[in-house]
Amino acid sequence: MHTVPIHQAKSQLSELIRAVENGEEVVLTRHGKRVIRLIKEPESVQPSIEARRQAIVAELQALRAKVAATAAGQGGGFDLLWHQHQAAQVSRTAAWGGADAAAMNTRKDADAGH
């Protein structure tokens, strides 16, 4: 473990960083008192692009299955799910901002051709 005064660390920062990268611990002090400890950042494991692609494909397949099940069970498929989503959104908006906000959202949807 290296103990270095802050005023000295300013001129040795690159060397101290190299030491930390090599697994050493560096403690910076002010007036002989420990102020901060520098340690190496743990390696993070990033998922590969292929793993992310596979996760997205699996999510899309699950969505397709849900739409197909809705279409088979109730008729309507995606359109039915979309209208259920819109109804739930209007309901939430009404709960948050009162009936005026819900009416405004309904008018916006009508104006947009939905």
PDB file of N, CA and C in Angstrom:
ATOM      1  N   MET A   1       0.856  -1.177   0.000  1.00  0.00           N
ATOM      2  CA  MET A   1       0.000   0.000   0.000  1.00  0.00           C
ATOM      3  C   MET A   1       0.898   1.234   0.000  1.00  0.00           C
ATOM      4  N   HIS A   2       0.596   2.133  -0.933  1.00  0.00           N
ATOM      5  CA  HIS A   2       1.305   3.413  -1.036  1.00  0.00           C
ATOM      6  C   HIS A   2       0.527   4.462  -0.246  1.00  0.00           C
ATOM      7  N   THR A   3       1.214   5.268   0.525  1.00  0.00           N
ATOM      8  CA  THR A   3       0.593   6.415   1.182  1.00  0.00           C
ATOM      9  C   THR A   3       1.309   7.651   0.649  1.00  0.00           C
ATOM     10  N   VAL A   4       0.529   8.557   0.060  1.00  0.00           N
ATOM     11  CA  VAL A   4       1.114   9.709  -0.612  1.00  0.00           C
ATOM     12  C   VAL A   4       0.339  10.963  -0.218  1.00  0.00           C
ATOM     13  N   PRO A   5       1.036  12.049   0.122  1.00  0.00           N
ATOM     14  CA  PRO A   5       0.337  13.313   0.379  1.00  0.00           C
ATOM     15  C   PRO A   5      -0.316  13.829  -0.909  1.00  0.00           C
ATOM     16  N   ILE A   6      -1.453  14.464  -0.769  1.00  0.00           N
ATOM     17  CA  ILE A   6      -2.199  14.934  -1.935  1.00  0.00           C
ATOM     18  C   ILE A   6      -1.351  15.880  -2.785  1.00  0.00           C
ATOM     19  N   HIS A   7      -0.622  16.787  -2.160  1.00  0.00           N
ATOM     20  CA  HIS A   7       0.157  17.750  -2.946  1.00  0.00           C
ATOM     21  C   HIS A   7       1.230  17.042  -3.781  1.00  0.00           C
ATOM     22  N   GLN A   8       1.739  15.933  -3.314  1.00  0.00           N
ATOM     23  CA  GLN A   8       2.730  15.157  -4.059  1.00  0.00           C
ATOM     24  C   GLN A   8       2.040  14.298  -5.140  1.00  0.00           C
ATOM     25  N   ALA A   9       0.846  13.845  -4.846  1.00  0.00           N
ATOM     26  CA  ALA A   9       0.114  12.987  -5.784  1.00  0.00           C
ATOM     27  C   ALA A   9      -0.223  13.733  -7.072  1.00  0.00           C
ATOM     28  N   LYS A  10      -0.374  15.050  -6.981  1.00  0.00           N
ATOM     29  CA  LYS A  10      -0.700  15.827  -8.174  1.00  0.00           C
ATOM     30  C   LYS A  10       0.360  15.649  -9.256  1.00  0.00           C
ATOM     31  N   SER A  11       1.602  15.616  -8.865  1.00  0.00           N
ATOM     32  CA  SER A  11       2.680  15.496  -9.845  1.00  0.00           C
ATOM     33  C   SER A  11       2.975  14.040 -10.209  1.00  0.00           C
ATOM     34  N   GLN A  12       2.448  13.087  -9.445  1.00  0.00           N
ATOM     35  CA  GLN A  12       2.720  11.670  -9.699  1.00  0.00           C
ATOM     36  C   GLN A  12       1.467  10.896 -10.109  1.00  0.00           C
ATOM     37  N   LEU A  13       0.452  11.582 -10.561  1.00  0.00           N
ATOM     38  CA  LEU A  13      -0.827  10.930 -10.793  1.00  0.00           C
ATOM     39  C   LEU A  13      -0.716   9.753 -11.761  1.00  0.00           C
ATOM     40  N   SER A  14      -0.014   9.917 -12.867  1.00  0.00           N
ATOM     41  CA  SER A  14       0.110   8.832 -13.841  1.00  0.00           C
ATOM     42  C   SER A  14       0.773   7.610 -13.212  1.00  0.00           C
ATOM     43  N   GLU A  15       1.816   7.822 -12.439  1.00  0.00           N
ATOM     44  CA  GLU A  15       2.507   6.702 -11.773  1.00  0.00           C
ATOM     45  C   GLU A  15       1.594   6.018 -10.759  1.00  0.00           C
ATOM     46  N   LEU A  16       0.841   6.796 -10.016  1.00  0.00           N
ATOM     47  CA  LEU A  16      -0.071   6.228  -9.025  1.00  0.00           C
ATOM     48  C   LEU A  16      -1.176   5.415  -9.701  1.00  0.00           C
ATOM     49  N   ILE A  17      -1.665   5.920 -10.812  1.00  0.00           N
ATOM     50  CA  ILE A  17      -2.701   5.182 -11.544  1.00  0.00           C
ATOM     51  C   ILE A  17      -2.138   3.860 -12.047  1.00  0.00           C
ATOM     52  N   ARG A  18      -0.928   3.870 -12.571  1.00  0.00           N
ATOM     53  CA  ARG A  18      -0.304   2.628 -13.018  1.00  0.00           C
ATOM     54  C   ARG A  18      -0.171   1.635 -11.870  1.00  0.00           C
ATOM     55  N   ALA A  19       0.209   2.126 -10.693  1.00  0.00           N
ATOM     56  CA  ALA A  19       0.345   1.249  -9.525  1.00  0.00           C
ATOM     57  C   ALA A  19      -1.006   0.637  -9.159  1.00  0.00           C
ATOM     58  N   VAL A  20      -2.062   1.430  -9.204  1.00  0.00           N
ATOM     59  CA  VAL A  20      -3.400   0.924  -8.895  1.00  0.00           C
ATOM     60  C   VAL A  20      -3.819  -0.106  -9.939  1.00  0.00           C
ATOM     61  N   GLU A  21      -3.530   0.169 -11.201  1.00  0.00           N
ATOM     62  CA  GLU A  21      -3.853  -0.792 -12.261  1.00  0.00           C
ATOM     63  C   GLU A  21      -3.138  -2.123 -12.063  1.00  0.00           C
ATOM     64  N   ASN A  22      -1.987  -2.080 -11.439  1.00  0.00           N
ATOM     65  CA  ASN A  22      -1.214  -3.294 -11.166  1.00  0.00           C
ATOM     66  C   ASN A  22      -1.623  -3.965  -9.859  1.00  0.00           C
ATOM     67  N   GLY A  23      -2.692  -3.483  -9.235  1.00  0.00           N
ATOM     68  CA  GLY A  23      -3.234  -4.135  -8.053  1.00  0.00           C
ATOM     69  C   GLY A  23      -2.835  -3.512  -6.726  1.00  0.00           C
ATOM     70  N   GLU A  24      -2.013  -2.468  -6.751  1.00  0.00           N
ATOM     71  CA  GLU A  24      -1.635  -1.823  -5.495  1.00  0.00           C
ATOM     72  C   GLU A  24      -2.753  -0.903  -5.021  1.00  0.00           C
ATOM     73  N   GLU A  25      -2.756  -0.662  -3.736  1.00  0.00           N
ATOM     74  CA  GLU A  25      -3.707   0.267  -3.144  1.00  0.00           C
ATOM     75  C   GLU A  25      -2.940   1.545  -2.825  1.00  0.00           C
ATOM     76  N   VAL A  26      -3.528   2.691  -3.146  1.00  0.00           N
ATOM     77  CA  VAL A  26      -2.878   3.977  -2.899  1.00  0.00           C
ATOM     78  C   VAL A  26      -3.790   4.794  -1.992  1.00  0.00           C
ATOM     79  N   VAL A  27      -3.216   5.317  -0.911  1.00  0.00           N
ATOM     80  CA  VAL A  27      -3.967   6.158   0.016  1.00  0.00           C
ATOM     81  C   VAL A  27      -3.390   7.567  -0.063  1.00  0.00           C
ATOM     82  N   LEU A  28      -4.274   8.532  -0.293  1.00  0.00           N
ATOM     83  CA  LEU A  28      -3.844   9.930  -0.318  1.00  0.00           C
ATOM     84  C   LEU A  28      -4.138  10.552   1.043  1.00  0.00           C
ATOM     85  N   THR A  29      -3.185  11.343   1.503  1.00  0.00           N
ATOM     86  CA  THR A  29      -3.318  11.953   2.827  1.00  0.00           C
ATOM     87  C   THR A  29      -3.239  13.472   2.730  1.00  0.00           C
ATOM     88  N   ARG A  30      -3.835  14.117   3.722  1.00  0.00           N
ATOM     89  CA  ARG A  30      -3.744  15.573   3.872  1.00  0.00           C
ATOM     90  C   ARG A  30      -3.349  15.819   5.317  1.00  0.00           C
ATOM     91  N   HIS A  31      -2.225  16.482   5.507  1.00  0.00           N
ATOM     92  CA  HIS A  31      -1.691  16.767   6.846  1.00  0.00           C
ATOM     93  C   HIS A  31      -1.542  15.471   7.663  1.00  0.00           C
ATOM     94  N   GLY A  32      -1.125  14.399   6.981  1.00  0.00           N
ATOM     95  CA  GLY A  32      -0.885  13.126   7.656  1.00  0.00           C
ATOM     96  C   GLY A  32      -2.129  12.287   7.926  1.00  0.00           C
ATOM     97  N   LYS A  33      -3.300  12.785   7.559  1.00  0.00           N
ATOM     98  CA  LYS A  33      -4.540  12.033   7.788  1.00  0.00           C
ATOM     99  C   LYS A  33      -5.029  11.438   6.470  1.00  0.00           C
ATOM    100  N   ARG A  34      -5.481  10.196   6.529  1.00  0.00           N
ATOM    101  CA  ARG A  34      -6.001   9.519   5.346  1.00  0.00           C
ATOM    102  C   ARG A  34      -7.259  10.249   4.850  1.00  0.00           C
ATOM    103  N   VAL A  35      -7.267  10.525   3.533  1.00  0.00           N
ATOM    104  CA  VAL A  35      -8.393  11.240   2.947  1.00  0.00           C
ATOM    105  C   VAL A  35      -9.154  10.344   1.968  1.00  0.00           C
ATOM    106  N   ILE A  36      -8.403   9.659   1.142  1.00  0.00           N
ATOM    107  CA  ILE A  36      -9.050   8.849   0.107  1.00  0.00           C
ATOM    108  C   ILE A  36      -8.175   7.655  -0.239  1.00  0.00           C
ATOM    109  N   ARG A  37      -8.849   6.581  -0.645  1.00  0.00           N
ATOM    110  CA  ARG A  37      -8.137   5.366  -1.027  1.00  0.00           C
ATOM    111  C   ARG A  37      -8.441   5.096  -2.494  1.00  0.00           C
ATOM    112  N   LEU A  38      -7.407   4.875  -3.288  1.00  0.00           N
ATOM    113  CA  LEU A  38      -7.580   4.559  -4.698  1.00  0.00           C
ATOM    114  C   LEU A  38      -7.424   3.054  -4.875  1.00  0.00           C
ATOM    115  N   ILE A  39      -8.433   2.450  -5.497  1.00  0.00           N
ATOM    116  CA  ILE A  39      -8.385   1.013  -5.763  1.00  0.00           C
ATOM    117  C   ILE A  39      -8.779   0.779  -7.216  1.00  0.00           C
ATOM    118  N   LYS A  40      -8.420  -0.387  -7.725  1.00  0.00           N
ATOM    119  CA  LYS A  40      -8.718  -0.718  -9.110  1.00  0.00           C
ATOM    120  C   LYS A  40     -10.210  -0.980  -9.277  1.00  0.00           C
ATOM    121  N   GLU A  41     -10.769  -0.458 -10.350  1.00  0.00           N
ATOM    122  CA  GLU A  41     -12.169  -0.688 -10.682  1.00  0.00           C
ATOM    123  C   GLU A  41     -12.328  -2.143 -11.105  1.00  0.00           C
ATOM    124  N   PRO A  42     -13.326  -2.842 -10.549  1.00  0.00           N
ATOM    125  CA  PRO A  42     -13.509  -4.245 -10.949  1.00  0.00           C
ATOM    126  C   PRO A  42     -13.891  -4.346 -12.427  1.00  0.00           C
ATOM    127  N   GLU A  43     -13.447  -5.409 -13.057  1.00  0.00           N
ATOM    128  CA  GLU A  43     -13.777  -5.650 -14.457  1.00  0.00           C
ATOM    129  C   GLU A  43     -15.275  -5.914 -14.567  1.00  0.00           C
ATOM    130  N   SER A  44     -15.919  -5.258 -15.502  1.00  0.00           N
ATOM    131  CA  SER A  44     -17.347  -5.511 -15.710  1.00  0.00           C
ATOM    132  C   SER A  44     -17.493  -6.394 -16.935  1.00  0.00           C
ATOM    133  N   VAL A  45     -18.434  -7.296 -16.852  1.00  0.00           N
ATOM    134  CA  VAL A  45     -18.673  -8.215 -17.948  1.00  0.00           C
ATOM    135  C   VAL A  45     -19.813  -7.657 -18.792  1.00  0.00           C
ATOM    136  N   GLN A  46     -19.497  -7.295 -20.006  1.00  0.00           N
ATOM    137  CA  GLN A  46     -20.507  -6.780 -20.924  1.00  0.00           C
ATOM    138  C   GLN A  46     -21.063  -7.954 -21.727  1.00  0.00           C
ATOM    139  N   PRO A  47     -22.377  -8.033 -21.852  1.00  0.00           N
ATOM    140  CA  PRO A  47     -22.928  -9.107 -22.676  1.00  0.00           C
ATOM    141  C   PRO A  47     -22.520  -8.892 -24.132  1.00  0.00           C
ATOM    142  N   SER A  48     -22.253  -9.964 -24.820  1.00  0.00           N
ATOM    143  CA  SER A  48     -21.850  -9.861 -26.216  1.00  0.00           C
ATOM    144  C   SER A  48     -23.024  -9.369 -27.055  1.00  0.00           C
ATOM    145  N   ILE A  49     -22.707  -8.894 -28.234  1.00  0.00           N
ATOM    146  CA  ILE A  49     -23.753  -8.437 -29.148  1.00  0.00           C
ATOM    147  C   ILE A  49     -24.667  -9.606 -29.489  1.00  0.00           C
ATOM    148  N   GLU A  50     -24.078 -10.794 -29.657  1.00  0.00           N
ATOM    149  CA  GLU A  50     -24.884 -11.969 -29.979  1.00  0.00           C
ATOM    150  C   GLU A  50     -25.847 -12.306 -28.840  1.00  0.00           C
ATOM    151  N   ALA A  51     -25.396 -12.200 -27.592  1.00  0.00           N
ATOM    152  CA  ALA A  51     -26.271 -12.480 -26.448  1.00  0.00           C
ATOM    153  C   ALA A  51     -27.408 -11.471 -26.388  1.00  0.00           C
ATOM    154  N   ARG A  52     -27.114 -10.215 -26.650  1.00  0.00           N
ATOM    155  CA  ARG A  52     -28.168  -9.195 -26.659  1.00  0.00           C
ATOM    156  C   ARG A  52     -29.154  -9.439 -27.795  1.00  0.00           C
ATOM    157  N   ARG A  53     -28.631  -9.835 -28.980  1.00  0.00           N
ATOM    158  CA  ARG A  53     -29.493 -10.121 -30.117  1.00  0.00           C
ATOM    159  C   ARG A  53     -30.438 -11.274 -29.792  1.00  0.00           C
ATOM    160  N   GLN A  54     -29.895 -12.319 -29.163  1.00  0.00           N
ATOM    161  CA  GLN A  54     -30.717 -13.472 -28.806  1.00  0.00           C
ATOM    162  C   GLN A  54     -31.796 -13.092 -27.794  1.00  0.00           C
ATOM    163  N   ALA A  55     -31.465 -12.218 -26.852  1.00  0.00           N
ATOM    164  CA  ALA A  55     -32.456 -11.770 -25.866  1.00  0.00           C
ATOM    165  C   ALA A  55     -33.577 -10.987 -26.537  1.00  0.00           C
ATOM    166  N   ILE A  56     -33.228 -10.147 -27.511  1.00  0.00           N
ATOM    167  CA  ILE A  56     -34.236  -9.367 -28.222  1.00  0.00           C
ATOM    168  C   ILE A  56     -35.131 -10.284 -29.046  1.00  0.00           C
ATOM    169  N   VAL A  57     -34.528 -11.262 -29.723  1.00  0.00           N
ATOM    170  CA  VAL A  57     -35.307 -12.214 -30.522  1.00  0.00           C
ATOM    171  C   VAL A  57     -36.277 -12.984 -29.630  1.00  0.00           C
ATOM    172  N   ALA A  58     -35.802 -13.417 -28.457  1.00  0.00           N
ATOM    173  CA  ALA A  58     -36.676 -14.153 -27.534  1.00  0.00           C
ATOM    174  C   ALA A  58     -37.832 -13.278 -27.069  1.00  0.00           C
ATOM    175  N   GLU A  59     -37.560 -12.011 -26.804  1.00  0.00           N
ATOM    176  CA  GLU A  59     -38.614 -11.090 -26.365  1.00  0.00           C
ATOM    177  C   GLU A  59     -39.646 -10.869 -27.472  1.00  0.00           C
ATOM    178  N   LEU A  60     -39.174 -10.734 -28.713  1.00  0.00           N
ATOM    179  CA  LEU A  60     -40.099 -10.570 -29.837  1.00  0.00           C
ATOM    180  C   LEU A  60     -40.946 -11.824 -30.054  1.00  0.00           C
ATOM    181  N   GLN A  61     -40.339 -13.001 -29.907  1.00  0.00           N
ATOM    182  CA  GLN A  61     -41.091 -14.246 -30.053  1.00  0.00           C
ATOM    183  C   GLN A  61     -42.181 -14.346 -28.987  1.00  0.00           C
ATOM    184  N   ALA A  62     -41.866 -13.926 -27.759  1.00  0.00           N
ATOM    185  CA  ALA A  62     -42.861 -13.955 -26.687  1.00  0.00           C
ATOM    186  C   ALA A  62     -44.006 -12.988 -26.987  1.00  0.00           C
ATOM    187  N   LEU A  63     -43.677 -11.814 -27.537  1.00  0.00           N
ATOM    188  CA  LEU A  63     -44.704 -10.841 -27.901  1.00  0.00           C
ATOM    189  C   LEU A  63     -45.588 -11.380 -29.022  1.00  0.00           C
ATOM    190  N   ARG A  64     -44.949 -12.004 -30.025  1.00  0.00           N
ATOM    191  CA  ARG A  64     -45.735 -12.594 -31.119  1.00  0.00           C
ATOM    192  C   ARG A  64     -46.684 -13.663 -30.590  1.00  0.00           C
ATOM    193  N   ALA A  65     -46.203 -14.489 -29.663  1.00  0.00           N
ATOM    194  CA  ALA A  65     -47.042 -15.543 -29.092  1.00  0.00           C
ATOM    195  C   ALA A  65     -48.219 -14.936 -28.338  1.00  0.00           C
ATOM    196  N   LYS A  66     -47.980 -13.844 -27.615  1.00  0.00           N
ATOM    197  CA  LYS A  66     -49.058 -13.180 -26.866  1.00  0.00           C
ATOM    198  C   LYS A  66     -50.103 -12.613 -27.822  1.00  0.00           C
ATOM    199  N   VAL A  67     -49.643 -11.975 -28.902  1.00  0.00           N
ATOM    200  CA  VAL A  67     -50.577 -11.411 -29.877  1.00  0.00           C
ATOM    201  C   VAL A  67     -51.373 -12.532 -30.534  1.00  0.00           C
ATOM    202  N   ALA A  68     -50.703 -13.629 -30.890  1.00  0.00           N
ATOM    203  CA  ALA A  68     -51.399 -14.757 -31.530  1.00  0.00           C
ATOM    204  C   ALA A  68     -52.424 -15.366 -30.585  1.00  0.00           C
ATOM    205  N   ALA A  69     -52.077 -15.506 -29.314  1.00  0.00           N
ATOM    206  CA  ALA A  69     -53.007 -16.075 -28.337  1.00  0.00           C
ATOM    207  C   ALA A  69     -54.210 -15.172 -28.152  1.00  0.00           C
ATOM    208  N   THR A  70     -53.998 -13.877 -28.138  1.00  0.00           N
ATOM    209  CA  THR A  70     -55.105 -12.929 -27.999  1.00  0.00           C
ATOM    210  C   THR A  70     -55.998 -12.989 -29.221  1.00  0.00           C
ATOM    211  N   ALA A  71     -55.384 -13.070 -30.392  1.00  0.00           N
ATOM    212  CA  ALA A  71     -56.163 -13.125 -31.636  1.00  0.00           C
ATOM    213  C   ALA A  71     -56.998 -14.395 -31.687  1.00  0.00           C
ATOM    214  N   ALA A  72     -56.414 -15.518 -31.272  1.00  0.00           N
ATOM    215  CA  ALA A  72     -57.134 -16.793 -31.312  1.00  0.00           C
ATOM    216  C   ALA A  72     -58.249 -16.831 -30.275  1.00  0.00           C
ATOM    217  N   GLY A  73     -57.971 -16.277 -29.098  1.00  0.00           N
ATOM    218  CA  GLY A  73     -58.946 -16.359 -28.005  1.00  0.00           C
ATOM    219  C   GLY A  73     -60.053 -15.336 -28.080  1.00  0.00           C
ATOM    220  N   GLN A  74     -59.738 -14.120 -28.534  1.00  0.00           N
ATOM    221  CA  GLN A  74     -60.726 -13.049 -28.479  1.00  0.00           C
ATOM    222  C   GLN A  74     -60.982 -12.419 -29.842  1.00  0.00           C
ATOM    223  N   GLY A  75     -60.161 -12.730 -30.793  1.00  0.00           N
ATOM    224  CA  GLY A  75     -60.289 -12.078 -32.090  1.00  0.00           C
ATOM    225  C   GLY A  75     -59.688 -10.692 -32.024  1.00  0.00           C
ATOM    226  N   GLY A  76     -59.089 -10.259 -33.079  1.00  0.00           N
ATOM    227  CA  GLY A  76     -58.590  -8.886 -33.116  1.00  0.00           C
ATOM    228  C   GLY A  76     -57.080  -8.768 -33.089  1.00  0.00           C
ATOM    229  N   GLY A  77     -56.371  -9.687 -32.481  1.00  0.00           N
ATOM    230  CA  GLY A  77     -54.909  -9.658 -32.469  1.00  0.00           C
ATOM    231  C   GLY A  77     -54.334  -8.369 -31.932  1.00  0.00           C
ATOM    232  N   PHE A  78     -53.438  -7.780 -32.721  1.00  0.00           N
ATOM    233  CA  PHE A  78     -52.718  -6.588 -32.279  1.00  0.00           C
ATOM    234  C   PHE A  78     -53.659  -5.419 -32.025  1.00  0.00           C
ATOM    235  N   ASP A  79     -54.644  -5.246 -32.898  1.00  0.00           N
ATOM    236  CA  ASP A  79     -55.583  -4.117 -32.726  1.00  0.00           C
ATOM    237  C   ASP A  79     -56.287  -4.181 -31.376  1.00  0.00           C
ATOM    238  N   LEU A  80     -56.667  -5.381 -30.965  1.00  0.00           N
ATOM    239  CA  LEU A  80     -57.329  -5.526 -29.670  1.00  0.00           C
ATOM    240  C   LEU A  80     -56.379  -5.144 -28.537  1.00  0.00           C
ATOM    241  N   LEU A  81     -55.130  -5.641 -28.609  1.00  0.00           N
ATOM    242  CA  LEU A  81     -54.147  -5.284 -27.573  1.00  0.00           C
ATOM    243  C   LEU A  81     -53.905  -3.777 -27.540  1.00  0.00           C
ATOM    244  N   TRP A  82     -53.840  -3.155 -28.727  1.00  0.00           N
ATOM    245  CA  TRP A  82     -53.592  -1.711 -28.793  1.00  0.00           C
ATOM    246  C   TRP A  82     -54.741  -0.935 -28.152  1.00  0.00           C
ATOM    247  N   HIS A  83     -55.973  -1.330 -28.437  1.00  0.00           N
ATOM    248  CA  HIS A  83     -57.117  -0.643 -27.847  1.00  0.00           C
ATOM    249  C   HIS A  83     -57.180  -0.859 -26.335  1.00  0.00           C
ATOM    250  N   GLN A  84     -56.804  -2.048 -25.867  1.00  0.00           N
ATOM    251  CA  GLN A  84     -56.748  -2.290 -24.419  1.00  0.00           C
ATOM    252  C   GLN A  84     -55.692  -1.396 -23.775  1.00  0.00           C
ATOM    253  N   HIS A  85     -54.553  -1.252 -24.462  1.00  0.00           N
ATOM    254  CA  HIS A  85     -53.484  -0.380 -23.952  1.00  0.00           C
ATOM    255  C   HIS A  85     -53.967   1.066 -23.881  1.00  0.00           C
ATOM    256  N   GLN A  86     -54.627   1.514 -24.941  1.00  0.00           N
ATOM    257  CA  GLN A  86     -55.122   2.892 -24.950  1.00  0.00           C
ATOM    258  C   GLN A  86     -56.146   3.127 -23.853  1.00  0.00           C
ATOM    259  N   ALA A  87     -57.033   2.173 -23.643  1.00  0.00           N
ATOM    260  CA  ALA A  87     -58.048   2.316 -22.593  1.00  0.00           C
ATOM    261  C   ALA A  87     -57.393   2.398 -21.220  1.00  0.00           C
ATOM    262  N   ALA A  88     -56.382   1.555 -20.999  1.00  0.00           N
ATOM    263  CA  ALA A  88     -55.676   1.595 -19.715  1.00  0.00           C
ATOM    264  C   ALA A  88     -54.955   2.922 -19.538  1.00  0.00           C
ATOM    265  N   GLN A  89     -54.384   3.452 -20.618  1.00  0.00           N
ATOM    266  CA  GLN A  89     -53.677   4.731 -20.549  1.00  0.00           C
ATOM    267  C   GLN A  89     -54.648   5.865 -20.219  1.00  0.00           C
ATOM    268  N   VAL A  90     -55.800   5.876 -20.850  1.00  0.00           N
ATOM    269  CA  VAL A  90     -56.807   6.907 -20.569  1.00  0.00           C
ATOM    270  C   VAL A  90     -57.258   6.808 -19.118  1.00  0.00           C
ATOM    271  N   SER A  91     -57.430   5.573 -18.636  1.00  0.00           N
ATOM    272  CA  SER A  91     -57.842   5.368 -17.248  1.00  0.00           C
ATOM    273  C   SER A  91     -56.802   5.916 -16.273  1.00  0.00           C
ATOM    274  N   ARG A  92     -55.516   5.623 -16.559  1.00  0.00           N
ATOM    275  CA  ARG A  92     -54.440   6.133 -15.689  1.00  0.00           C
ATOM    276  C   ARG A  92     -54.378   7.651 -15.735  1.00  0.00           C
ATOM    277  N   THR A  93     -54.529   8.211 -16.928  1.00  0.00           N
ATOM    278  CA  THR A  93     -54.478   9.665 -17.083  1.00  0.00           C
ATOM    279  C   THR A  93     -55.607  10.318 -16.313  1.00  0.00           C
ATOM    280  N   ALA A  94     -56.769   9.706 -16.369  1.00  0.00           N
ATOM    281  CA  ALA A  94     -57.911  10.255 -15.637  1.00  0.00           C
ATOM    282  C   ALA A  94     -57.651  10.220 -14.140  1.00  0.00           C
ATOM    283  N   ALA A  95     -57.034   9.139 -13.678  1.00  0.00           N
ATOM    284  CA  ALA A  95     -56.745   9.026 -12.246  1.00  0.00           C
ATOM    285  C   ALA A  95     -55.703  10.059 -11.819  1.00  0.00           C
ATOM    286  N   TRP A  96     -54.745  10.363 -12.694  1.00  0.00           N
ATOM    287  CA  TRP A  96     -53.687  11.308 -12.339  1.00  0.00           C
ATOM    288  C   TRP A  96     -54.138  12.752 -12.453  1.00  0.00           C
ATOM    289  N   GLY A  97     -54.808  13.062 -13.585  1.00  0.00           N
ATOM    290  CA  GLY A  97     -55.069  14.466 -13.837  1.00  0.00           C
ATOM    291  C   GLY A  97     -56.527  14.831 -13.928  1.00  0.00           C
ATOM    292  N   GLY A  98     -57.409  13.947 -13.590  1.00  0.00           N
ATOM    293  CA  GLY A  98     -58.831  14.253 -13.647  1.00  0.00           C
ATOM    294  C   GLY A  98     -59.422  13.926 -15.000  1.00  0.00           C
ATOM    295  N   ALA A  99     -60.705  14.082 -15.108  1.00  0.00           N
ATOM    296  CA  ALA A  99     -61.440  13.721 -16.315  1.00  0.00           C
ATOM    297  C   ALA A  99     -61.057  14.604 -17.492  1.00  0.00           C
ATOM    298  N   ASP A 100     -60.673  15.875 -17.245  1.00  0.00           N
ATOM    299  CA  ASP A 100     -60.307  16.773 -18.338  1.00  0.00           C
ATOM    300  C   ASP A 100     -59.122  16.240 -19.117  1.00  0.00           C
ATOM    301  N   ALA A 101     -58.125  15.680 -18.411  1.00  0.00           N
ATOM    302  CA  ALA A 101     -56.937  15.142 -19.073  1.00  0.00           C
ATOM    303  C   ALA A 101     -57.294  13.914 -19.895  1.00  0.00           C
ATOM    304  N   ALA A 102     -58.195  13.077 -19.404  1.00  0.00           N
ATOM    305  CA  ALA A 102     -58.608  11.883 -20.145  1.00  0.00           C
ATOM    306  C   ALA A 102     -59.357  12.290 -21.408  1.00  0.00           C
ATOM    307  N   ALA A 103     -60.222  13.279 -21.289  1.00  0.00           N
ATOM    308  CA  ALA A 103     -60.964  13.748 -22.451  1.00  0.00           C
ATOM    309  C   ALA A 103     -60.018  14.338 -23.487  1.00  0.00           C
ATOM    310  N   MET A 104     -58.981  15.041 -23.043  1.00  0.00           N
ATOM    311  CA  MET A 104     -58.008  15.626 -23.948  1.00  0.00           C
ATOM    312  C   MET A 104     -57.264  14.523 -24.704  1.00  0.00           C
ATOM    313  N   ASN A 105     -56.862  13.454 -24.012  1.00  0.00           N
ATOM    314  CA  ASN A 105     -56.185  12.344 -24.668  1.00  0.00           C
ATOM    315  C   ASN A 105     -57.089  11.663 -25.676  1.00  0.00           C
ATOM    316  N   THR A 106     -58.366  11.512 -25.345  1.00  0.00           N
ATOM    317  CA  THR A 106     -59.319  10.892 -26.260  1.00  0.00           C
ATOM    318  C   THR A 106     -59.461  11.742 -27.512  1.00  0.00           C
ATOM    319  N   ARG A 107     -59.527  13.084 -27.338  1.00  0.00           N
ATOM    320  CA  ARG A 107     -59.620  13.983 -28.492  1.00  0.00           C
ATOM    321  C   ARG A 107     -58.373  13.918 -29.344  1.00  0.00           C
ATOM    322  N   LYS A 108     -57.170  13.838 -28.707  1.00  0.00           N
ATOM    323  CA  LYS A 108     -55.920  13.752 -29.457  1.00  0.00           C
ATOM    324  C   LYS A 108     -55.909  12.495 -30.309  1.00  0.00           C
ATOM    325  N   ASP A 109     -56.352  11.361 -29.742  1.00  0.00           N
ATOM    326  CA  ASP A 109     -56.376  10.099 -30.486  1.00  0.00           C
ATOM    327  C   ASP A 109     -57.334  10.202 -31.674  1.00  0.00           C
ATOM    328  N   ALA A 110     -58.487  10.829 -31.479  1.00  0.00           N
ATOM    329  CA  ALA A 110     -59.457  10.981 -32.553  1.00  0.00           C
ATOM    330  C   ALA A 110     -58.888  11.858 -33.654  1.00  0.00           C
ATOM    331  N   ASP A 111     -58.189  12.942 -33.269  1.00  0.00           N
ATOM    332  CA  ASP A 111     -57.603  13.857 -34.242  1.00  0.00           C
ATOM    333  C   ASP A 111     -56.479  13.179 -35.023  1.00  0.00           C
ATOM    334  N   ALA A 112     -55.769  12.265 -34.386  1.00  0.00           N
ATOM    335  CA  ALA A 112     -54.643  11.596 -35.045  1.00  0.00           C
ATOM    336  C   ALA A 112     -55.097  10.443 -35.932  1.00  0.00           C
ATOM    337  N   GLY A 113     -56.374  10.148 -35.932  1.00  0.00           N
ATOM    338  CA  GLY A 113     -56.888   9.085 -36.773  1.00  0.00           C
ATOM    339  C   GLY A 113     -56.800   7.717 -36.152  1.00  0.00           C
ATOM    340  N   HIS A 114     -56.673   7.646 -34.853  1.00  0.00           N
ATOM    341  CA  HIS A 114     -56.586   6.345 -34.159  1.00  0.00           C
ATOM    342  C   HIS A 114     -57.947   5.831 -33.821  1.00  0.00           C
TER     343      HIS A 114
END
